[in-house]
């Protein structure tokens, strides 16, 4: 079941990347970007678990990735709260910063074979 979820998350990210490469619409609204962020957190968690199981990532590194994913999830929650309270500029800044962190985590996991 866990492998199925990982494959689904990886597939979803691949589709989003392919859509961007083909010039198809990407996440544009705050809520769309927020949803992509939450999906990315899930994919990162699943990838780290798979890599540690495969022996490509140490348990300590995997725990660090999981901790960073937790922090990113909290940042997404804060961005959502700020957006709902009317601070759209602050919320967008939080969301963009979190997206940068998530891309860095994805790049790290990709370098390990994800």
PDB file of N, CA and C in Angstrom:
ATOM      1  N   UNK A   1       0.823  -1.189   0.000  1.00  0.00           N
ATOM      2  CA  UNK A   1       0.000   0.000   0.000  1.00  0.00           C
ATOM      3  C   UNK A   1       0.871   1.259   0.000  1.00  0.00           C
ATOM      4  N   UNK A   2       1.939   1.241   0.804  1.00  0.00           N
ATOM      5  CA  UNK A   2       2.834   2.384   0.886  1.00  0.00           C
ATOM      6  C   UNK A   2       3.515   2.625  -0.463  1.00  0.00           C
ATOM      7  N   UNK A   3       3.916   1.546  -1.119  1.00  0.00           N
ATOM      8  CA  UNK A   3       4.558   1.661  -2.425  1.00  0.00           C
ATOM      9  C   UNK A   3       3.589   2.243  -3.442  1.00  0.00           C
ATOM     10  N   UNK A   4       2.334   1.843  -3.356  1.00  0.00           N
ATOM     11  CA  UNK A   4       1.323   2.371  -4.262  1.00  0.00           C
ATOM     12  C   UNK A   4       1.162   3.879  -4.077  1.00  0.00           C
ATOM     13  N   UNK A   5       1.134   4.333  -2.820  1.00  0.00           N
ATOM     14  CA  UNK A   5       1.021   5.768  -2.565  1.00  0.00           C
ATOM     15  C   UNK A   5       2.240   6.516  -3.084  1.00  0.00           C
ATOM     16  N   UNK A   6       3.422   5.921  -2.913  1.00  0.00           N
ATOM     17  CA  UNK A   6       4.636   6.559  -3.402  1.00  0.00           C
ATOM     18  C   UNK A   6       4.587   6.697  -4.917  1.00  0.00           C
ATOM     19  N   UNK A   7       4.200   5.620  -5.582  1.00  0.00           N
ATOM     20  CA  UNK A   7       4.119   5.674  -7.039  1.00  0.00           C
ATOM     21  C   UNK A   7       3.092   6.714  -7.493  1.00  0.00           C
ATOM     22  N   UNK A   8       1.980   6.805  -6.789  1.00  0.00           N
ATOM     23  CA  UNK A   8       0.961   7.795  -7.138  1.00  0.00           C
ATOM     24  C   UNK A   8       1.493   9.210  -6.955  1.00  0.00           C
ATOM     25  N   UNK A   9       2.214   9.447  -5.859  1.00  0.00           N
ATOM     26  CA  UNK A   9       2.767  10.777  -5.604  1.00  0.00           C
ATOM     27  C   UNK A   9       3.831  11.128  -6.640  1.00  0.00           C
ATOM     28  N   UNK A  10       4.695  10.173  -6.946  1.00  0.00           N
ATOM     29  CA  UNK A  10       5.737  10.409  -7.945  1.00  0.00           C
ATOM     30  C   UNK A  10       5.100  10.669  -9.303  1.00  0.00           C
ATOM     31  N   UNK A  11       4.085   9.897  -9.625  1.00  0.00           N
ATOM     32  CA  UNK A  11       3.384  10.076 -10.889  1.00  0.00           C
ATOM     33  C   UNK A  11       2.755  11.460 -10.960  1.00  0.00           C
ATOM     34  N   UNK A  12       2.122  11.885  -9.875  1.00  0.00           N
ATOM     35  CA  UNK A  12       1.482  13.202  -9.852  1.00  0.00           C
ATOM     36  C   UNK A  12       2.510  14.306 -10.066  1.00  0.00           C
ATOM     37  N   UNK A  13       3.672  14.193  -9.408  1.00  0.00           N
ATOM     38  CA  UNK A  13       4.719  15.195  -9.600  1.00  0.00           C
ATOM     39  C   UNK A  13       5.265  15.169 -11.022  1.00  0.00           C
ATOM     40  N   UNK A  14       5.381  13.971 -11.582  1.00  0.00           N
ATOM     41  CA  UNK A  14       5.852  13.856 -12.964  1.00  0.00           C
ATOM     42  C   UNK A  14       4.868  14.507 -13.929  1.00  0.00           C
ATOM     43  N   UNK A  15       3.601  14.311 -13.687  1.00  0.00           N
ATOM     44  CA  UNK A  15       2.576  14.920 -14.539  1.00  0.00           C
ATOM     45  C   UNK A  15       2.637  16.438 -14.438  1.00  0.00           C
ATOM     46  N   UNK A  16       2.775  16.957 -13.213  1.00  0.00           N
ATOM     47  CA  UNK A  16       2.877  18.410 -13.043  1.00  0.00           C
ATOM     48  C   UNK A  16       4.097  18.969 -13.766  1.00  0.00           C
ATOM     49  N   UNK A  17       5.205  18.261 -13.662  1.00  0.00           N
ATOM     50  CA  UNK A  17       6.425  18.698 -14.344  1.00  0.00           C
ATOM     51  C   UNK A  17       6.248  18.636 -15.855  1.00  0.00           C
ATOM     52  N   UNK A  18       5.636  17.555 -16.332  1.00  0.00           N
ATOM     53  CA  UNK A  18       5.409  17.411 -17.768  1.00  0.00           C
ATOM     54  C   UNK A  18       4.468  18.493 -18.279  1.00  0.00           C
ATOM     55  N   UNK A  19       3.447  18.800 -17.511  1.00  0.00           N
ATOM     56  CA  UNK A  19       2.508  19.861 -17.912  1.00  0.00           C
ATOM     57  C   UNK A  19       3.234  21.186 -18.053  1.00  0.00           C
ATOM     58  N   UNK A  20       4.118  21.463 -17.121  1.00  0.00           N
ATOM     59  CA  UNK A  20       4.877  22.705 -17.189  1.00  0.00           C
ATOM     60  C   UNK A  20       5.780  22.713 -18.416  1.00  0.00           C
ATOM     61  N   UNK A  21       6.411  21.575 -18.699  1.00  0.00           N
ATOM     62  CA  UNK A  21       7.313  21.496 -19.845  1.00  0.00           C
ATOM     63  C   UNK A  21       6.560  21.643 -21.164  1.00  0.00           C
ATOM     64  N   UNK A  22       5.330  21.181 -21.195  1.00  0.00           N
ATOM     65  CA  UNK A  22       4.528  21.265 -22.411  1.00  0.00           C
ATOM     66  C   UNK A  22       3.798  22.595 -22.543  1.00  0.00           C
ATOM     67  N   UNK A  23       3.928  23.438 -21.549  1.00  0.00           N
ATOM     68  CA  UNK A  23       3.256  24.714 -21.598  1.00  0.00           C
ATOM     69  C   UNK A  23       1.806  24.643 -21.146  1.00  0.00           C
ATOM     70  N   UNK A  24       1.410  23.533 -20.564  1.00  0.00           N
ATOM     71  CA  UNK A  24       0.054  23.404 -20.043  1.00  0.00           C
ATOM     72  C   UNK A  24      -0.054  24.184 -18.750  1.00  0.00           C
ATOM     73  N   UNK A  25      -1.267  24.510 -18.349  1.00  0.00           N
ATOM     74  CA  UNK A  25      -1.430  25.324 -17.136  1.00  0.00           C
ATOM     75  C   UNK A  25      -0.795  24.683 -15.909  1.00  0.00           C
ATOM     76  N   UNK A  26      -0.150  25.508 -15.115  1.00  0.00           N
ATOM     77  CA  UNK A  26       0.412  25.064 -13.847  1.00  0.00           C
ATOM     78  C   UNK A  26      -0.362  25.754 -12.731  1.00  0.00           C
ATOM     79  N   UNK A  27      -0.009  25.435 -11.528  1.00  0.00           N
ATOM     80  CA  UNK A  27      -0.679  26.052 -10.381  1.00  0.00           C
ATOM     81  C   UNK A  27      -0.453  27.558 -10.425  1.00  0.00           C
ATOM     82  N   UNK A  28      -1.532  28.305 -10.453  1.00  0.00           N
ATOM     83  CA  UNK A  28      -1.420  29.751 -10.521  1.00  0.00           C
ATOM     84  C   UNK A  28      -1.998  30.439  -9.302  1.00  0.00           C
ATOM     85  N   UNK A  29      -3.099  29.928  -8.782  1.00  0.00           N
ATOM     86  CA  UNK A  29      -3.721  30.585  -7.643  1.00  0.00           C
ATOM     87  C   UNK A  29      -3.021  30.163  -6.360  1.00  0.00           C
ATOM     88  N   UNK A  30      -3.255  30.944  -5.337  1.00  0.00           N
ATOM     89  CA  UNK A  30      -2.661  30.617  -4.044  1.00  0.00           C
ATOM     90  C   UNK A  30      -3.082  29.218  -3.601  1.00  0.00           C
ATOM     91  N   UNK A  31      -4.362  28.910  -3.699  1.00  0.00           N
ATOM     92  CA  UNK A  31      -4.855  27.612  -3.245  1.00  0.00           C
ATOM     93  C   UNK A  31      -4.284  26.459  -4.067  1.00  0.00           C
ATOM     94  N   UNK A  32      -4.110  26.669  -5.359  1.00  0.00           N
ATOM     95  CA  UNK A  32      -3.493  25.630  -6.192  1.00  0.00           C
ATOM     96  C   UNK A  32      -2.044  25.397  -5.779  1.00  0.00           C
ATOM     97  N   UNK A  33      -1.314  26.474  -5.557  1.00  0.00           N
ATOM     98  CA  UNK A  33       0.082  26.354  -5.138  1.00  0.00           C
ATOM     99  C   UNK A  33       0.182  25.702  -3.760  1.00  0.00           C
ATOM    100  N   UNK A  34      -0.760  26.026  -2.900  1.00  0.00           N
ATOM    101  CA  UNK A  34      -0.786  25.422  -1.568  1.00  0.00           C
ATOM    102  C   UNK A  34      -1.018  23.918  -1.675  1.00  0.00           C
ATOM    103  N   UNK A  35      -1.944  23.516  -2.528  1.00  0.00           N
ATOM    104  CA  UNK A  35      -2.227  22.093  -2.724  1.00  0.00           C
ATOM    105  C   UNK A  35      -1.005  21.358  -3.277  1.00  0.00           C
ATOM    106  N   UNK A  36      -0.305  21.988  -4.216  1.00  0.00           N
ATOM    107  CA  UNK A  36       0.923  21.389  -4.752  1.00  0.00           C
ATOM    108  C   UNK A  36       1.956  21.254  -3.640  1.00  0.00           C
ATOM    109  N   UNK A  37       2.039  22.255  -2.779  1.00  0.00           N
ATOM    110  CA  UNK A  37       2.982  22.206  -1.657  1.00  0.00           C
ATOM    111  C   UNK A  37       2.703  21.025  -0.738  1.00  0.00           C
ATOM    112  N   UNK A  38       1.432  20.844  -0.368  1.00  0.00           N
ATOM    113  CA  UNK A  38       1.081  19.709   0.495  1.00  0.00           C
ATOM    114  C   UNK A  38       1.364  18.379  -0.199  1.00  0.00           C
ATOM    115  N   UNK A  39       1.088  18.305  -1.482  1.00  0.00           N
ATOM    116  CA  UNK A  39       1.393  17.086  -2.233  1.00  0.00           C
ATOM    117  C   UNK A  39       2.882  16.809  -2.296  1.00  0.00           C
ATOM    118  N   UNK A  40       3.659  17.865  -2.418  1.00  0.00           N
ATOM    119  CA  UNK A  40       5.110  17.726  -2.462  1.00  0.00           C
ATOM    120  C   UNK A  40       5.648  17.232  -1.119  1.00  0.00           C
ATOM    121  N   UNK A  41       5.092  17.733  -0.024  1.00  0.00           N
ATOM    122  CA  UNK A  41       5.500  17.253   1.303  1.00  0.00           C
ATOM    123  C   UNK A  41       5.259  15.753   1.406  1.00  0.00           C
ATOM    124  N   UNK A  42       4.099  15.302   0.956  1.00  0.00           N
ATOM    125  CA  UNK A  42       3.777  13.872   1.003  1.00  0.00           C
ATOM    126  C   UNK A  42       4.741  13.067   0.142  1.00  0.00           C
ATOM    127  N   UNK A  43       5.035  13.560  -1.043  1.00  0.00           N
ATOM    128  CA  UNK A  43       5.963  12.849  -1.934  1.00  0.00           C
ATOM    129  C   UNK A  43       7.364  12.786  -1.326  1.00  0.00           C
ATOM    130  N   UNK A  44       7.794  13.857  -0.688  1.00  0.00           N
ATOM    131  CA  UNK A  44       9.121  13.877  -0.050  1.00  0.00           C
ATOM    132  C   UNK A  44       9.171  12.853   1.079  1.00  0.00           C
ATOM    133  N   UNK A  45       8.146  12.829   1.898  1.00  0.00           N
ATOM    134  CA  UNK A  45       8.101  11.847   2.989  1.00  0.00           C
ATOM    135  C   UNK A  45       8.173  10.424   2.456  1.00  0.00           C
ATOM    136  N   UNK A  46       7.379  10.154   1.445  1.00  0.00           N
ATOM    137  CA  UNK A  46       7.352   8.802   0.873  1.00  0.00           C
ATOM    138  C   UNK A  46       8.680   8.439   0.220  1.00  0.00           C
ATOM    139  N   UNK A  47       9.269   9.392  -0.476  1.00  0.00           N
ATOM    140  CA  UNK A  47      10.559   9.142  -1.124  1.00  0.00           C
ATOM    141  C   UNK A  47      11.648   8.845  -0.100  1.00  0.00           C
ATOM    142  N   UNK A  48      11.670   9.604   0.988  1.00  0.00           N
ATOM    143  CA  UNK A  48      12.679   9.382   2.031  1.00  0.00           C
ATOM    144  C   UNK A  48      12.507   7.989   2.636  1.00  0.00           C
ATOM    145  N   UNK A  49      11.281   7.591   2.875  1.00  0.00           N
ATOM    146  CA  UNK A  49      11.023   6.260   3.432  1.00  0.00           C
ATOM    147  C   UNK A  49      11.489   5.173   2.479  1.00  0.00           C
ATOM    148  N   UNK A  50      11.179   5.351   1.212  1.00  0.00           N
ATOM    149  CA  UNK A  50      11.584   4.359   0.209  1.00  0.00           C
ATOM    150  C   UNK A  50      13.104   4.285   0.095  1.00  0.00           C
ATOM    151  N   UNK A  51      13.760   5.438   0.108  1.00  0.00           N
ATOM    152  CA  UNK A  51      15.223   5.452  -0.024  1.00  0.00           C
ATOM    153  C   UNK A  51      15.912   4.816   1.171  1.00  0.00           C
ATOM    154  N   UNK A  52      15.404   5.042   2.364  1.00  0.00           N
ATOM    155  CA  UNK A  52      16.030   4.430   3.535  1.00  0.00           C
ATOM    156  C   UNK A  52      15.800   2.919   3.516  1.00  0.00           C
ATOM    157  N   UNK A  53      14.639   2.489   3.064  1.00  0.00           N
ATOM    158  CA  UNK A  53      14.354   1.056   2.960  1.00  0.00           C
ATOM    159  C   UNK A  53      15.269   0.398   1.926  1.00  0.00           C
ATOM    160  N   UNK A  54      15.558   1.123   0.853  1.00  0.00           N
ATOM    161  CA  UNK A  54      16.427   0.604  -0.201  1.00  0.00           C
ATOM    162  C   UNK A  54      17.905   0.726   0.150  1.00  0.00           C
ATOM    163  N   UNK A  55      18.222   1.351   1.277  1.00  0.00           N
ATOM    164  CA  UNK A  55      19.612   1.500   1.686  1.00  0.00           C
ATOM    165  C   UNK A  55      20.346   2.628   0.981  1.00  0.00           C
ATOM    166  N   UNK A  56      19.624   3.506   0.309  1.00  0.00           N
ATOM    167  CA  UNK A  56      20.252   4.617  -0.402  1.00  0.00           C
ATOM    168  C   UNK A  56      20.319   5.889   0.438  1.00  0.00           C
ATOM    169  N   UNK A  57      19.685   5.862   1.609  1.00  0.00           N
ATOM    170  CA  UNK A  57      19.646   7.009   2.499  1.00  0.00           C
ATOM    171  C   UNK A  57      19.779   6.479   3.919  1.00  0.00           C
ATOM    172  N   UNK A  58      20.653   7.089   4.694  1.00  0.00           N
ATOM    173  CA  UNK A  58      20.832   6.619   6.066  1.00  0.00           C
ATOM    174  C   UNK A  58      19.592   6.968   6.899  1.00  0.00           C
ATOM    175  N   UNK A  59      19.352   6.212   7.953  1.00  0.00           N
ATOM    176  CA  UNK A  59      18.215   6.539   8.828  1.00  0.00           C
ATOM    177  C   UNK A  59      18.290   7.955   9.397  1.00  0.00           C
ATOM    178  N   UNK A  60      19.501   8.412   9.722  1.00  0.00           N
ATOM    179  CA  UNK A  60      19.656   9.777  10.237  1.00  0.00           C
ATOM    180  C   UNK A  60      19.290  10.818   9.182  1.00  0.00           C
ATOM    181  N   UNK A  61      19.740  10.594   7.939  1.00  0.00           N
ATOM    182  CA  UNK A  61      19.384  11.508   6.856  1.00  0.00           C
ATOM    183  C   UNK A  61      17.876  11.487   6.606  1.00  0.00           C
ATOM    184  N   UNK A  62      17.307  10.303   6.635  1.00  0.00           N
ATOM    185  CA  UNK A  62      15.861  10.176   6.421  1.00  0.00           C
ATOM    186  C   UNK A  62      15.095  10.918   7.516  1.00  0.00           C
ATOM    187  N   UNK A  63      15.562  10.807   8.749  1.00  0.00           N
ATOM    188  CA  UNK A  63      14.902  11.515   9.846  1.00  0.00           C
ATOM    189  C   UNK A  63      15.011  13.023   9.658  1.00  0.00           C
ATOM    190  N   UNK A  64      16.170  13.474   9.194  1.00  0.00           N
ATOM    191  CA  UNK A  64      16.349  14.898   8.924  1.00  0.00           C
ATOM    192  C   UNK A  64      15.389  15.365   7.830  1.00  0.00           C
ATOM    193  N   UNK A  65      15.255  14.583   6.783  1.00  0.00           N
ATOM    194  CA  UNK A  65      14.317  14.932   5.705  1.00  0.00           C
ATOM    195  C   UNK A  65      12.892  14.979   6.245  1.00  0.00           C
ATOM    196  N   UNK A  66      12.534  13.999   7.077  1.00  0.00           N
ATOM    197  CA  UNK A  66      11.182  13.975   7.652  1.00  0.00           C
ATOM    198  C   UNK A  66      10.952  15.209   8.531  1.00  0.00           C
ATOM    199  N   UNK A  67      11.957  15.594   9.295  1.00  0.00           N
ATOM    200  CA  UNK A  67      11.844  16.783  10.138  1.00  0.00           C
ATOM    201  C   UNK A  67      11.671  18.034   9.284  1.00  0.00           C
ATOM    202  N   UNK A  68      12.446  18.131   8.210  1.00  0.00           N
ATOM    203  CA  UNK A  68      12.315  19.276   7.300  1.00  0.00           C
ATOM    204  C   UNK A  68      10.941  19.283   6.634  1.00  0.00           C
ATOM    205  N   UNK A  69      10.420  18.104   6.303  1.00  0.00           N
ATOM    206  CA  UNK A  69       9.078  18.012   5.721  1.00  0.00           C
ATOM    207  C   UNK A  69       8.025  18.476   6.730  1.00  0.00           C
ATOM    208  N   UNK A  70       8.215  18.112   8.010  1.00  0.00           N
ATOM    209  CA  UNK A  70       7.302  18.580   9.059  1.00  0.00           C
ATOM    210  C   UNK A  70       7.320  20.105   9.152  1.00  0.00           C
ATOM    211  N   UNK A  71       8.522  20.667   9.078  1.00  0.00           N
ATOM    212  CA  UNK A  71       8.665  22.117   9.148  1.00  0.00           C
ATOM    213  C   UNK A  71       8.000  22.784   7.943  1.00  0.00           C
ATOM    214  N   UNK A  72       8.181  22.205   6.774  1.00  0.00           N
ATOM    215  CA  UNK A  72       7.555  22.745   5.567  1.00  0.00           C
ATOM    216  C   UNK A  72       6.035  22.669   5.671  1.00  0.00           C
ATOM    217  N   UNK A  73       5.536  21.563   6.202  1.00  0.00           N
ATOM    218  CA  UNK A  73       4.085  21.420   6.384  1.00  0.00           C
ATOM    219  C   UNK A  73       3.567  22.513   7.321  1.00  0.00           C
ATOM    220  N   UNK A  74       4.277  22.769   8.395  1.00  0.00           N
ATOM    221  CA  UNK A  74       3.885  23.835   9.322  1.00  0.00           C
ATOM    222  C   UNK A  74       3.913  25.201   8.637  1.00  0.00           C
ATOM    223  N   UNK A  75       4.904  25.423   7.806  1.00  0.00           N
ATOM    224  CA  UNK A  75       4.995  26.686   7.077  1.00  0.00           C
ATOM    225  C   UNK A  75       3.825  26.842   6.107  1.00  0.00           C
ATOM    226  N   UNK A  76       3.436  25.748   5.462  1.00  0.00           N
ATOM    227  CA  UNK A  76       2.272  25.792   4.576  1.00  0.00           C
ATOM    228  C   UNK A  76       1.004  26.115   5.369  1.00  0.00           C
ATOM    229  N   UNK A  77       0.891  25.528   6.551  1.00  0.00           N
ATOM    230  CA  UNK A  77      -0.263  25.819   7.415  1.00  0.00           C
ATOM    231  C   UNK A  77      -0.290  27.297   7.799  1.00  0.00           C
ATOM    232  N   UNK A  78       0.879  27.852   8.129  1.00  0.00           N
ATOM    233  CA  UNK A  78       0.966  29.277   8.475  1.00  0.00           C
ATOM    234  C   UNK A  78       0.602  30.165   7.281  1.00  0.00           C
ATOM    235  N   UNK A  79       1.059  29.776   6.102  1.00  0.00           N
ATOM    236  CA  UNK A  79       0.726  30.545   4.906  1.00  0.00           C
ATOM    237  C   UNK A  79      -0.783  30.523   4.659  1.00  0.00           C
ATOM    238  N   UNK A  80      -1.393  29.356   4.827  1.00  0.00           N
ATOM    239  CA  UNK A  80      -2.842  29.231   4.647  1.00  0.00           C
ATOM    240  C   UNK A  80      -3.594  30.111   5.648  1.00  0.00           C
ATOM    241  N   UNK A  81      -3.148  30.096   6.905  1.00  0.00           N
ATOM    242  CA  UNK A  81      -3.788  30.914   7.936  1.00  0.00           C
ATOM    243  C   UNK A  81      -3.649  32.401   7.621  1.00  0.00           C
ATOM    244  N   UNK A  82      -2.476  32.814   7.194  1.00  0.00           N
ATOM    245  CA  UNK A  82      -2.249  34.220   6.844  1.00  0.00           C
ATOM    246  C   UNK A  82      -3.134  34.628   5.669  1.00  0.00           C
ATOM    247  N   UNK A  83      -3.250  33.751   4.701  1.00  0.00           N
ATOM    248  CA  UNK A  83      -4.074  34.047   3.519  1.00  0.00           C
ATOM    249  C   UNK A  83      -5.535  34.208   3.916  1.00  0.00           C
ATOM    250  N   UNK A  84      -6.008  33.325   4.760  1.00  0.00           N
ATOM    251  CA  UNK A  84      -7.409  33.385   5.202  1.00  0.00           C
ATOM    252  C   UNK A  84      -7.690  34.615   6.053  1.00  0.00           C
ATOM    253  N   UNK A  85      -6.672  35.123   6.739  1.00  0.00           N
ATOM    254  CA  UNK A  85      -6.874  36.311   7.575  1.00  0.00           C
ATOM    255  C   UNK A  85      -6.730  37.603   6.776  1.00  0.00           C
ATOM    256  N   UNK A  86      -6.430  37.489   5.490  1.00  0.00           N
ATOM    257  CA  UNK A  86      -6.363  38.667   4.624  1.00  0.00           C
ATOM    258  C   UNK A  86      -4.980  39.172   4.305  1.00  0.00           C
ATOM    259  N   UNK A  87      -3.951  38.550   4.855  1.00  0.00           N
ATOM    260  CA  UNK A  87      -2.571  38.964   4.586  1.00  0.00           C
ATOM    261  C   UNK A  87      -2.057  38.222   3.351  1.00  0.00           C
ATOM    262  N   UNK A  88      -2.573  38.592   2.192  1.00  0.00           N
ATOM    263  CA  UNK A  88      -2.219  37.851   0.978  1.00  0.00           C
ATOM    264  C   UNK A  88      -0.747  38.001   0.606  1.00  0.00           C
ATOM    265  N   UNK A  89      -0.177  39.187   0.818  1.00  0.00           N
ATOM    266  CA  UNK A  89       1.238  39.387   0.483  1.00  0.00           C
ATOM    267  C   UNK A  89       2.129  38.537   1.383  1.00  0.00           C
ATOM    268  N   UNK A  90       1.870  38.562   2.675  1.00  0.00           N
ATOM    269  CA  UNK A  90       2.659  37.749   3.601  1.00  0.00           C
ATOM    270  C   UNK A  90       2.484  36.267   3.348  1.00  0.00           C
ATOM    271  N   UNK A  91       1.256  35.874   3.046  1.00  0.00           N
ATOM    272  CA  UNK A  91       0.977  34.465   2.775  1.00  0.00           C
ATOM    273  C   UNK A  91       1.701  33.995   1.520  1.00  0.00           C
ATOM    274  N   UNK A  92       1.699  34.832   0.506  1.00  0.00           N
ATOM    275  CA  UNK A  92       2.380  34.477  -0.741  1.00  0.00           C
ATOM    276  C   UNK A  92       3.882  34.356  -0.526  1.00  0.00           C
ATOM    277  N   UNK A  93       4.454  35.248   0.259  1.00  0.00           N
ATOM    278  CA  UNK A  93       5.885  35.179   0.570  1.00  0.00           C
ATOM    279  C   UNK A  93       6.204  33.887   1.314  1.00  0.00           C
ATOM    280  N   UNK A  94       5.389  33.544   2.313  1.00  0.00           N
ATOM    281  CA  UNK A  94       5.591  32.294   3.058  1.00  0.00           C
ATOM    282  C   UNK A  94       5.491  31.091   2.129  1.00  0.00           C
ATOM    283  N   UNK A  95       4.494  31.115   1.252  1.00  0.00           N
ATOM    284  CA  UNK A  95       4.293  29.995   0.330  1.00  0.00           C
ATOM    285  C   UNK A  95       5.465  29.860  -0.639  1.00  0.00           C
ATOM    286  N   UNK A  96       5.916  30.968  -1.194  1.00  0.00           N
ATOM    287  CA  UNK A  96       7.041  30.925  -2.135  1.00  0.00           C
ATOM    288  C   UNK A  96       8.320  30.446  -1.463  1.00  0.00           C
ATOM    289  N   UNK A  97       8.562  30.900  -0.246  1.00  0.00           N
ATOM    290  CA  UNK A  97       9.748  30.478   0.498  1.00  0.00           C
ATOM    291  C   UNK A  97       9.688  28.984   0.797  1.00  0.00           C
ATOM    292  N   UNK A  98       8.528  28.519   1.186  1.00  0.00           N
ATOM    293  CA  UNK A  98       8.357  27.089   1.479  1.00  0.00           C
ATOM    294  C   UNK A  98       8.543  26.257   0.222  1.00  0.00           C
ATOM    295  N   UNK A  99       8.051  26.747  -0.902  1.00  0.00           N
ATOM    296  CA  UNK A  99       8.227  26.028  -2.172  1.00  0.00           C
ATOM    297  C   UNK A  99       9.710  25.889  -2.506  1.00  0.00           C
ATOM    298  N   UNK A 100      10.493  26.910  -2.207  1.00  0.00           N
ATOM    299  CA  UNK A 100      11.946  26.849  -2.445  1.00  0.00           C
ATOM    300  C   UNK A 100      12.586  25.760  -1.584  1.00  0.00           C
ATOM    301  N   UNK A 101      12.182  25.687  -0.337  1.00  0.00           N
ATOM    302  CA  UNK A 101      12.699  24.649   0.568  1.00  0.00           C
ATOM    303  C   UNK A 101      12.306  23.267   0.055  1.00  0.00           C
ATOM    304  N   UNK A 102      11.072  23.121  -0.384  1.00  0.00           N
ATOM    305  CA  UNK A 102      10.610  21.826  -0.882  1.00  0.00           C
ATOM    306  C   UNK A 102      11.372  21.414  -2.139  1.00  0.00           C
ATOM    307  N   UNK A 103      11.658  22.367  -3.004  1.00  0.00           N
ATOM    308  CA  UNK A 103      12.449  22.037  -4.202  1.00  0.00           C
ATOM    309  C   UNK A 103      13.853  21.576  -3.815  1.00  0.00           C
ATOM    310  N   UNK A 104      14.431  22.197  -2.799  1.00  0.00           N
ATOM    311  CA  UNK A 104      15.759  21.785  -2.340  1.00  0.00           C
ATOM    312  C   UNK A 104      15.716  20.362  -1.776  1.00  0.00           C
ATOM    313  N   UNK A 105      14.689  20.047  -1.011  1.00  0.00           N
ATOM    314  CA  UNK A 105      14.550  18.682  -0.489  1.00  0.00           C
ATOM    315  C   UNK A 105      14.368  17.679  -1.623  1.00  0.00           C
ATOM    316  N   UNK A 106      13.567  18.050  -2.622  1.00  0.00           N
ATOM    317  CA  UNK A 106      13.391  17.166  -3.773  1.00  0.00           C
ATOM    318  C   UNK A 106      14.706  16.933  -4.498  1.00  0.00           C
ATOM    319  N   UNK A 107      15.488  17.980  -4.665  1.00  0.00           N
ATOM    320  CA  UNK A 107      16.778  17.859  -5.348  1.00  0.00           C
ATOM    321  C   UNK A 107      17.716  16.946  -4.569  1.00  0.00           C
ATOM    322  N   UNK A 108      17.706  17.083  -3.243  1.00  0.00           N
ATOM    323  CA  UNK A 108      18.547  16.238  -2.405  1.00  0.00           C
ATOM    324  C   UNK A 108      18.138  14.775  -2.558  1.00  0.00           C
ATOM    325  N   UNK A 109      16.845  14.511  -2.488  1.00  0.00           N
ATOM    326  CA  UNK A 109      16.372  13.133  -2.627  1.00  0.00           C
ATOM    327  C   UNK A 109      16.645  12.586  -4.024  1.00  0.00           C
ATOM    328  N   UNK A 110      16.534  13.440  -5.025  1.00  0.00           N
ATOM    329  CA  UNK A 110      16.845  13.011  -6.399  1.00  0.00           C
ATOM    330  C   UNK A 110      18.308  12.621  -6.507  1.00  0.00           C
ATOM    331  N   UNK A 111      19.175  13.346  -5.811  1.00  0.00           N
ATOM    332  CA  UNK A 111      20.611  13.020  -5.862  1.00  0.00           C
ATOM    333  C   UNK A 111      20.898  11.677  -5.192  1.00  0.00           C
ATOM    334  N   UNK A 112      19.987  11.234  -4.344  1.00  0.00           N
ATOM    335  CA  UNK A 112      20.138   9.947  -3.659  1.00  0.00           C
ATOM    336  C   UNK A 112      19.454   8.810  -4.424  1.00  0.00           C
ATOM    337  N   UNK A 113      18.786   9.151  -5.522  1.00  0.00           N
ATOM    338  CA  UNK A 113      18.178   8.117  -6.344  1.00  0.00           C
ATOM    339  C   UNK A 113      16.667   8.074  -6.333  1.00  0.00           C
ATOM    340  N   UNK A 114      16.032   9.086  -5.791  1.00  0.00           N
ATOM    341  CA  UNK A 114      14.556   9.104  -5.781  1.00  0.00           C
ATOM    342  C   UNK A 114      14.026   9.428  -7.161  1.00  0.00           C
TER     343      UNK A 114
END
